Protein backbone atom coordinates (compact mmCIF):
# COMPACT_ATOMS: atom_id res chain seq x y z
CA MET A 1 0.00 0.00 0.00
CA THR A 2 1.15 3.52 -0.71
CA GLU A 3 0.05 6.54 1.22
CA LYS A 4 -0.96 9.77 -0.46
CA PRO A 5 -1.72 13.13 1.14
CA THR A 6 -5.33 14.07 1.55
CA ASP A 7 -7.04 15.49 -1.52
CA THR A 8 -8.03 18.54 0.51
CA ALA A 9 -4.90 20.21 -0.83
CA ASP A 10 -6.25 19.92 -4.36
CA PHE A 11 -8.80 22.65 -3.80
CA GLY A 12 -7.72 24.29 -0.58
CA THR A 13 -9.59 24.71 2.65
CA THR A 14 -10.82 28.25 1.99
CA ARG A 15 -14.18 29.19 0.54
CA ARG A 16 -12.42 30.78 -2.43
CA GLY A 17 -10.60 27.51 -3.09
CA PHE A 18 -13.89 25.66 -2.90
CA LEU A 19 -15.51 28.00 -5.44
CA ARG A 20 -12.58 27.74 -7.84
CA ALA A 21 -12.78 23.96 -7.74
CA SER A 22 -16.56 24.06 -8.18
CA VAL A 23 -16.42 26.29 -11.24
CA ALA A 24 -13.59 24.26 -12.73
CA GLY A 25 -15.43 21.00 -12.15
CA SER A 26 -18.64 21.90 -13.95
CA ALA A 27 -20.63 24.69 -15.56
CA LEU A 28 -23.01 25.45 -12.73
CA ALA A 29 -26.65 26.15 -13.30
CA VAL A 30 -28.57 28.50 -11.02
CA THR A 31 -29.32 25.72 -8.54
CA GLY A 32 -26.33 23.55 -9.39
CA GLY A 33 -24.19 24.29 -6.35
CA ALA A 34 -21.80 26.86 -4.94
CA GLY A 35 -20.73 29.43 -7.48
CA MET A 36 -21.79 32.61 -9.26
CA ALA A 37 -25.42 32.59 -10.40
CA GLN A 38 -25.75 33.30 -14.12
CA THR A 39 -29.45 34.26 -14.05
CA PRO A 40 -31.60 35.76 -11.29
CA ASP A 41 -32.82 33.16 -8.80
CA PRO A 42 -36.47 33.79 -7.80
CA LEU A 43 -35.82 32.16 -4.43
CA ILE A 44 -33.50 35.11 -3.78
CA THR A 45 -35.16 37.93 -5.73
CA THR A 46 -38.82 37.24 -4.90
CA VAL A 47 -40.43 37.37 -1.46
CA GLN A 48 -41.59 33.82 -0.74
CA PRO A 49 -44.86 32.73 0.97
CA TRP A 50 -43.07 31.68 4.16
CA ALA A 51 -41.86 35.25 4.63
CA GLN A 52 -45.30 36.85 4.18
CA SER A 53 -47.25 35.42 7.13
CA PHE A 54 -46.86 34.06 10.64
CA GLY A 55 -45.64 30.51 11.19
CA ASP A 56 -46.87 27.97 13.74
CA GLY A 57 -46.82 28.74 17.45
CA VAL A 58 -44.74 26.60 19.74
CA ASP A 59 -47.83 25.21 21.49
CA ALA A 60 -48.97 23.65 18.21
CA THR A 61 -46.54 20.80 18.94
CA PRO A 62 -45.91 20.52 22.72
CA TYR A 63 -43.26 17.88 22.02
CA GLY A 64 -41.24 18.86 18.96
CA LEU A 65 -41.20 16.56 15.96
CA PRO A 66 -39.04 16.58 12.80
CA ILE A 67 -40.27 18.81 9.99
CA ARG A 68 -42.22 17.03 7.23
CA PHE A 69 -39.31 17.37 4.80
CA GLU A 70 -37.34 14.89 6.96
CA THR A 71 -39.99 12.17 7.27
CA ASP A 72 -37.73 9.68 5.47
CA VAL A 73 -35.21 9.78 8.34
CA VAL A 74 -36.68 6.86 10.28
CA ARG A 75 -35.80 3.46 11.66
CA ARG A 76 -36.39 0.72 9.14
CA ASN A 77 -36.42 -3.05 9.30
CA VAL A 78 -35.84 -5.93 6.92
CA PRO A 79 -38.91 -8.20 6.81
CA TRP A 80 -37.00 -11.46 6.59
CA LEU A 81 -34.94 -10.52 9.67
CA THR A 82 -38.01 -9.94 11.82
CA ALA A 83 -39.86 -13.08 12.86
CA ASP A 84 -43.00 -11.24 13.98
CA VAL A 85 -44.07 -8.09 15.76
CA THR A 86 -42.83 -9.36 19.12
CA SER A 87 -39.25 -10.04 17.95
CA SER A 88 -38.09 -6.94 16.18
CA ILE A 89 -34.94 -5.36 14.77
CA ASN A 90 -34.87 -1.74 13.62
CA PHE A 91 -31.97 0.00 11.90
CA THR A 92 -30.75 3.54 12.59
CA PRO A 93 -30.75 5.81 9.49
CA ILE A 94 -27.02 6.46 9.88
CA HIS A 95 -26.79 7.55 6.24
CA ALA A 96 -29.03 10.57 6.93
CA LEU A 97 -27.43 11.71 10.19
CA ASP A 98 -24.32 13.76 10.89
CA GLY A 99 -22.32 14.35 14.02
CA THR A 100 -22.40 11.39 16.40
CA ILE A 101 -25.43 11.60 18.72
CA THR A 102 -28.38 9.44 17.66
CA PRO A 103 -31.84 10.82 18.42
CA GLN A 104 -33.78 8.36 20.56
CA GLY A 105 -36.70 8.45 18.15
CA CYS A 106 -34.72 6.89 15.29
CA GLY A 107 -32.11 4.92 17.25
CA PHE A 108 -31.58 1.21 16.67
CA GLU A 109 -33.45 -1.08 19.03
CA ARG A 110 -33.97 -4.81 19.39
CA HIS A 111 -36.45 -6.67 21.52
CA HIS A 112 -37.21 -10.37 21.91
CA SER A 113 -40.76 -10.31 23.25
CA GLY A 114 -42.15 -6.86 22.55
CA ALA A 115 -41.55 -3.46 24.15
CA ILE A 116 -43.40 -3.36 27.47
CA GLU A 117 -45.01 -0.50 29.38
CA LEU A 118 -43.62 -0.27 32.90
CA SER A 119 -44.27 2.82 34.99
CA LYS A 120 -41.82 4.39 37.40
CA ASP A 121 -44.20 3.72 40.27
CA ASP A 122 -44.33 0.00 39.44
CA TYR A 123 -40.59 -0.32 38.85
CA ARG A 124 -38.42 -2.43 41.18
CA LEU A 125 -34.76 -3.48 40.94
CA MET A 126 -33.58 -6.42 43.05
CA ILE A 127 -29.98 -7.28 43.93
CA ASN A 128 -29.55 -10.72 45.46
CA GLY A 129 -27.27 -13.76 45.49
CA LEU A 130 -23.80 -13.63 46.99
CA VAL A 131 -24.28 -10.28 48.74
CA ASP A 132 -24.27 -9.27 52.38
CA THR A 133 -27.64 -7.53 52.17
CA PRO A 134 -30.17 -8.38 49.44
CA LEU A 135 -31.83 -5.14 48.35
CA VAL A 136 -34.82 -3.92 46.38
CA PHE A 137 -34.75 -0.40 44.92
CA THR A 138 -37.67 1.69 43.70
CA TYR A 139 -37.18 4.22 40.93
CA ALA A 140 -37.25 6.98 43.56
CA ASP A 141 -34.48 5.19 45.45
CA LEU A 142 -32.27 5.14 42.35
CA GLU A 143 -32.74 8.88 41.82
CA ARG A 144 -31.01 9.54 45.15
CA PHE A 145 -27.72 7.89 44.15
CA PRO A 146 -24.83 9.87 42.62
CA ARG A 147 -25.12 9.78 38.84
CA GLU A 148 -22.96 10.22 35.78
CA SER A 149 -23.57 11.16 32.15
CA ARG A 150 -21.50 9.45 29.44
CA VAL A 151 -21.71 9.04 25.68
CA HIS A 152 -21.45 5.45 24.44
CA PHE A 153 -22.39 3.45 21.38
CA LEU A 154 -24.60 0.38 21.54
CA GLU A 155 -24.02 -2.10 18.69
CA CYS A 156 -25.81 -5.37 18.09
CA ALA A 157 -23.43 -8.32 17.79
CA ALA A 158 -25.22 -9.14 14.52
CA ASN A 159 -24.54 -5.73 12.95
CA THR A 160 -23.18 -6.38 9.43
CA GLY A 161 -23.78 -10.08 10.10
CA MET A 162 -25.63 -10.74 6.87
CA GLU A 163 -22.52 -9.72 4.92
CA TRP A 164 -20.40 -12.74 5.89
CA ALA A 165 -21.42 -14.69 2.77
CA GLY A 166 -21.24 -11.71 0.42
CA ALA A 167 -22.84 -8.33 -0.28
CA GLN A 168 -26.46 -8.81 0.83
CA LEU A 169 -28.14 -5.61 1.96
CA ASN A 170 -27.90 -2.31 0.08
CA GLY A 171 -27.32 0.76 2.17
CA SER A 172 -25.36 1.65 5.31
CA GLN A 173 -28.60 1.79 7.29
CA PHE A 174 -29.09 -1.93 6.66
CA THR A 175 -25.49 -3.15 6.68
CA HIS A 176 -24.34 -1.10 9.70
CA GLY A 177 -27.46 0.45 11.23
CA MET A 178 -27.82 -1.90 14.21
CA ILE A 179 -26.10 0.77 16.27
CA HIS A 180 -26.86 3.94 18.13
CA ASN A 181 -24.83 6.45 20.13
CA MET A 182 -26.40 8.34 23.01
CA GLU A 183 -25.56 10.30 26.11
CA TYR A 184 -26.68 8.00 28.92
CA THR A 185 -27.30 9.25 32.44
CA GLY A 186 -27.44 6.88 35.37
CA ILE A 187 -25.82 5.35 38.40
CA PRO A 188 -22.53 3.47 38.23
CA LEU A 189 -23.49 -0.16 38.81
CA ARG A 190 -20.54 -0.37 41.18
CA LEU A 191 -22.33 1.88 43.69
CA LEU A 192 -25.39 -0.37 43.87
CA LEU A 193 -23.26 -3.49 44.24
CA GLU A 194 -21.26 -1.81 46.99
CA GLU A 195 -24.51 -0.92 48.74
CA ALA A 196 -25.48 -4.60 48.78
CA GLY A 197 -21.97 -5.76 49.67
CA VAL A 198 -20.54 -8.28 47.20
CA GLN A 199 -19.12 -11.33 48.95
CA PRO A 200 -15.59 -12.54 48.07
CA GLU A 201 -16.99 -15.52 46.13
CA GLY A 202 -18.98 -13.21 43.87
CA LYS A 203 -17.24 -13.28 40.48
CA TRP A 204 -20.19 -12.87 38.06
CA ILE A 205 -23.56 -11.17 37.89
CA LEU A 206 -26.72 -12.25 36.10
CA VAL A 207 -28.82 -9.38 34.75
CA GLU A 208 -32.48 -9.85 33.83
CA GLY A 209 -35.16 -7.69 32.26
CA ALA A 210 -38.79 -7.38 33.32
CA ASP A 211 -40.15 -8.33 29.88
CA ALA A 212 -41.32 -11.86 29.06
CA SER A 213 -38.01 -12.85 27.45
CA SER A 214 -35.96 -11.51 30.41
CA ASN A 215 -32.89 -11.70 28.12
CA GLY A 216 -30.74 -12.95 31.00
CA ARG A 217 -27.00 -12.44 30.55
CA SER A 218 -23.94 -13.23 32.63
CA ILE A 219 -21.36 -10.44 33.09
CA PRO A 220 -18.00 -10.85 34.83
CA MET A 221 -17.66 -8.87 38.04
CA GLU A 222 -14.64 -6.94 36.71
CA LYS A 223 -16.81 -5.34 34.01
CA ALA A 224 -19.72 -4.74 36.37
CA LEU A 225 -17.44 -2.80 38.74
CA ASP A 226 -15.67 -0.95 35.94
CA ASP A 227 -17.88 1.21 33.73
CA CYS A 228 -21.44 -0.21 33.65
CA LEU A 229 -24.31 2.20 34.28
CA VAL A 230 -27.85 1.64 35.52
CA ALA A 231 -29.34 4.29 33.24
CA PHE A 232 -32.67 6.11 33.30
CA LYS A 233 -32.01 8.95 30.84
CA ALA A 234 -30.76 9.13 27.26
CA ASN A 235 -29.86 12.36 25.47
CA GLY A 236 -31.19 14.29 28.45
CA GLU A 237 -34.71 12.83 28.53
CA ALA A 238 -36.35 9.72 29.93
CA LEU A 239 -35.65 6.49 28.06
CA ARG A 240 -38.15 5.70 25.33
CA LYS A 241 -40.33 2.64 25.91
CA GLU A 242 -38.46 0.60 23.31
CA HIS A 243 -35.13 1.58 24.86
CA GLY A 244 -36.07 0.10 28.23
CA TYR A 245 -38.08 2.75 30.09
CA PRO A 246 -37.75 3.41 32.92
CA VAL A 247 -34.33 1.76 33.56
CA ARG A 248 -31.82 -0.14 31.46
CA LEU A 249 -28.25 -1.38 31.79
CA VAL A 250 -25.40 0.23 29.86
CA VAL A 251 -22.38 -2.00 29.20
CA PRO A 252 -19.93 0.24 27.31
CA GLY A 253 -18.09 -1.32 24.37
CA TRP A 254 -19.77 -4.72 24.73
CA GLU A 255 -22.38 -6.27 22.45
CA GLY A 256 -25.83 -4.77 22.69
CA ASN A 257 -27.71 -7.85 23.92
CA MET A 258 -25.94 -7.40 27.27
CA TRP A 259 -27.46 -3.92 27.69
CA VAL A 260 -30.54 -5.44 29.33
CA LYS A 261 -33.66 -3.27 29.09
CA TRP A 262 -36.36 -2.91 31.76
CA LEU A 263 -33.68 -4.05 34.22
CA ARG A 264 -35.37 -5.89 37.13
CA ARG A 265 -32.81 -8.15 38.80
CA ILE A 266 -29.07 -8.46 39.36
CA GLU A 267 -27.91 -11.69 40.96
CA VAL A 268 -24.33 -12.13 42.16
CA GLY A 269 -22.85 -15.61 41.70
CA ASP A 270 -19.58 -17.50 41.54
CA GLN A 271 -19.85 -18.64 37.89
CA PRO A 272 -21.70 -17.73 34.68
CA TRP A 273 -25.30 -18.89 34.30
CA GLU A 274 -25.01 -20.25 30.70
CA THR A 275 -28.38 -18.80 29.68
CA ARG A 276 -30.02 -19.25 26.29
CA GLU A 277 -28.72 -15.88 25.14
CA GLU A 278 -25.09 -16.88 25.79
CA THR A 279 -25.15 -20.51 24.60
CA SER A 280 -27.57 -21.14 21.74
CA LYS A 281 -27.40 -17.44 20.77
CA TYR A 282 -24.66 -14.82 20.61
CA THR A 283 -21.81 -17.26 20.10
CA ASP A 284 -19.52 -17.19 17.07
CA THR A 285 -19.60 -20.17 14.71
CA MET A 286 -16.12 -21.02 13.45
CA ALA A 287 -15.05 -22.62 10.17
CA ASP A 288 -14.75 -26.08 11.74
CA GLY A 289 -18.29 -25.94 13.14
CA SER A 290 -17.28 -25.20 16.72
CA ALA A 291 -18.55 -22.10 18.49
CA ARG A 292 -16.69 -19.62 20.63
CA LYS A 293 -18.43 -17.65 23.35
CA TRP A 294 -17.70 -14.75 25.69
CA THR A 295 -16.78 -12.57 22.69
CA TRP A 296 -18.37 -9.57 24.31
CA VAL A 297 -16.20 -6.71 23.02
CA MET A 298 -17.10 -4.96 19.77
CA ASP A 299 -13.86 -4.53 17.83
CA ALA A 300 -12.87 -1.44 15.84
CA LYS A 301 -15.10 -0.79 12.87
CA SER A 302 -16.06 1.97 10.46
CA VAL A 303 -18.32 2.67 7.50
CA VAL A 304 -18.71 5.47 4.98
CA THR A 305 -22.25 6.79 5.34
CA SER A 306 -22.12 9.32 2.48
CA PRO A 307 -21.85 8.78 -0.38
CA SER A 308 -23.48 5.37 -0.06
CA PRO A 309 -26.40 3.52 -1.65
CA GLN A 310 -29.00 5.60 0.21
CA MET A 311 -26.99 8.82 -0.20
CA PRO A 312 -25.96 9.08 -3.87
CA ILE A 313 -23.94 12.00 -5.21
CA LYS A 314 -26.44 14.45 -6.70
CA HIS A 315 -24.39 17.61 -7.19
CA GLY A 316 -22.15 16.41 -10.00
CA THR A 317 -18.39 16.66 -10.13
CA GLY A 318 -16.18 18.85 -8.00
CA PRO A 319 -15.73 19.09 -4.23
CA LEU A 320 -17.21 16.12 -2.38
CA VAL A 321 -17.38 15.55 1.38
CA ILE A 322 -16.95 11.86 2.16
CA THR A 323 -18.09 11.14 5.70
CA GLY A 324 -18.80 8.24 8.00
CA LEU A 325 -18.60 6.75 11.46
CA ALA A 326 -15.96 4.76 13.34
CA TRP A 327 -16.03 3.10 16.75
CA SER A 328 -14.27 0.64 19.02
CA GLY A 329 -15.36 -1.20 22.14
CA ARG A 330 -11.75 -1.19 23.37
CA GLY A 331 -11.30 2.57 23.56
CA SER A 332 -11.19 5.51 21.19
CA ILE A 333 -10.58 5.83 17.47
CA THR A 334 -7.19 7.40 16.74
CA ARG A 335 -7.25 7.32 12.95
CA VAL A 336 -9.49 6.61 9.98
CA ASP A 337 -8.17 6.15 6.45
CA VAL A 338 -10.30 6.40 3.32
CA THR A 339 -9.69 4.94 -0.13
CA VAL A 340 -11.53 5.74 -3.35
CA ASP A 341 -9.81 3.04 -5.41
CA GLY A 342 -10.55 -0.11 -3.44
CA GLY A 343 -7.49 -0.01 -1.21
CA LYS A 344 -4.72 0.75 -3.70
CA THR A 345 -4.09 4.11 -2.05
CA TRP A 346 -5.25 5.32 1.36
CA HIS A 347 -5.73 8.86 2.67
CA GLU A 348 -6.02 9.94 6.30
CA ALA A 349 -9.43 11.41 7.10
CA ARG A 350 -10.26 14.22 9.49
CA LEU A 351 -11.63 13.11 12.88
CA ALA A 352 -14.20 15.33 14.57
CA PRO A 353 -13.58 16.07 18.27
CA GLN A 354 -14.16 12.96 20.35
CA ALA A 355 -16.98 12.66 22.88
CA SER A 356 -15.50 9.81 24.92
CA ASP A 357 -14.09 6.33 24.69
CA LYS A 358 -16.37 3.57 23.42
CA ALA A 359 -18.40 6.13 21.49
CA LEU A 360 -19.00 6.87 17.82
CA HIS A 361 -16.43 9.08 16.10
CA ARG A 362 -17.28 11.10 13.00
CA PHE A 363 -14.74 11.33 10.18
CA TYR A 364 -14.59 13.53 7.09
CA PHE A 365 -12.51 13.29 3.94
CA ASP A 366 -12.59 16.23 1.52
CA HIS A 367 -12.22 14.96 -2.03
CA VAL A 368 -12.48 16.36 -5.55
CA TRP A 369 -14.59 13.98 -7.61
CA ASP A 370 -13.99 13.94 -11.36
CA GLY A 371 -16.99 11.74 -12.16
CA SER A 372 -15.06 8.49 -12.42
CA GLU A 373 -16.17 5.33 -10.62
CA MET A 374 -14.97 4.85 -7.06
CA LEU A 375 -14.53 1.81 -4.82
CA LEU A 376 -15.05 3.60 -1.54
CA GLN A 377 -13.85 2.17 1.77
CA SER A 378 -12.85 3.30 5.26
CA ARG A 379 -10.46 1.67 7.71
CA ALA A 380 -10.36 2.46 11.44
CA THR A 381 -7.50 2.23 13.92
CA ASP A 382 -8.22 2.35 17.65
CA SER A 383 -6.25 3.41 20.72
CA THR A 384 -4.92 -0.13 21.24
CA GLY A 385 -3.32 -0.10 17.77
CA TYR A 386 -5.87 -2.53 16.35
CA VAL A 387 -6.59 -1.96 12.64
CA GLN A 388 -9.96 -2.83 11.11
CA PRO A 389 -9.51 -5.99 8.98
CA THR A 390 -10.66 -6.96 5.52
CA LYS A 391 -13.42 -9.51 5.11
CA ALA A 392 -10.90 -11.95 3.65
CA ALA A 393 -8.81 -11.72 6.83
CA LEU A 394 -11.86 -12.45 9.00
CA ARG A 395 -12.99 -15.32 6.80
CA ALA A 396 -9.57 -16.93 7.01
CA ILE A 397 -10.20 -17.37 10.74
CA ARG A 398 -13.97 -17.62 11.03
CA GLY A 399 -15.16 -19.07 7.71
CA LEU A 400 -18.56 -18.18 6.24
CA ASN A 401 -20.97 -19.53 8.86
CA SER A 402 -20.73 -16.74 11.40
CA VAL A 403 -23.44 -14.19 12.12
CA TYR A 404 -21.92 -12.09 14.88
CA HIS A 405 -18.96 -9.73 15.23
CA ASN A 406 -18.35 -8.90 11.57
CA ASN A 407 -16.21 -5.75 11.66
CA CYS A 408 -14.77 -6.00 8.16
CA ILE A 409 -14.00 -3.14 5.78
CA GLN A 410 -17.12 -2.22 3.76
CA THR A 411 -17.02 -1.35 0.04
CA TRP A 412 -19.37 0.95 -1.86
CA TRP A 413 -19.13 0.99 -5.66
CA VAL A 414 -19.87 4.60 -6.60
CA LYS A 415 -20.83 4.79 -10.26
CA SER A 416 -20.21 7.64 -12.68
CA ASN A 417 -23.83 8.80 -12.27
CA GLY A 418 -23.29 9.20 -8.51
CA GLU A 419 -25.34 6.18 -7.47
CA ALA A 420 -23.74 3.62 -5.15
CA GLU A 421 -24.06 -0.10 -4.60
CA ASN A 422 -22.91 -2.58 -1.96
CA VAL A 423 -20.20 -4.79 -3.48
CA GLU A 424 -17.46 -7.13 -2.37
CA ILE A 425 -13.97 -6.98 -3.84
CA SER A 426 -11.14 -9.46 -3.43
């Protein structure tokens, strides 16, 4: 591989440089992009209807909703991935978002037996097992504990899972959208365990939800005492019903099925419980047919969100902002490289300021597009030095039968007309 400097230098970082590149790239029409208008634009020269009367009052929508022009920015599902209405997977529209924070209303969520309604008054959290004092907390009790606010991503272990056997789903929302990134507010789990008094034999916890599936998962005590949160807010407001209202567990950097929603019980034990969700499910099938488990951590990963199949290039040639997301369950992202030629040459992208470890990072790469086809990829490096692998490298170890923990480099074939397609290259 050879490294080339970023293409930003080709048109400069100033507005004047941007305009020069725009004019050089194409003969711009009135609405064709940045540049000097050649004929009067009525949207500038004529007073428009929205400037001639009063708009809506704030009490017309007591809880603000997106404007009607953004109604396509919604969670979506894939029918053949959803067994029925009680076992659902929804994908975040990552292609249509910028920055890193995911609004709750369009954030990925997964449930195994339907999203339940549980009021704060009816909520109880039990801690039992190998503790000095078994305890039961009400919601009001939890509000009295010291709390923290932290930004973390939640990623389903099956995110990108359908791509093991080849390019299946078209669009970053469907290949990589089983993820969201929110500011969670809650109590460090460590404080609640300390309140109960963990006995020396206590090496694991079992966490259960109040829904019918319970989604019981075993978590080693080291993780429970490290950075887990018992959360009751996301992005400053109460959790949405489908995100576990009124209380859920946050397990930073680890697969999303461990972030138990409607958290009702934490049992301390001396060994893992080997529940359904950690034996028959959420284990990694290897090439020889064996399965490995306890692969909790989500390794470094990235994806270009624009341009992509759901975000084609519409403005023609000239300056193009390539952007996407990168994340790692082992820490922070220190570098993202982008290639437009399928990995022959790589260019270092710009990383936006980081929110925290184990959170989404936004990257940008400023490119001048000449209208030729591109094989667009991104490659993340995290704070441990781990570099995001190719699919071939993963397959050499795991084979084709896996579903979980696919963090391979993703390829978009951007055509000369600006449209993009999910492809696999060797």
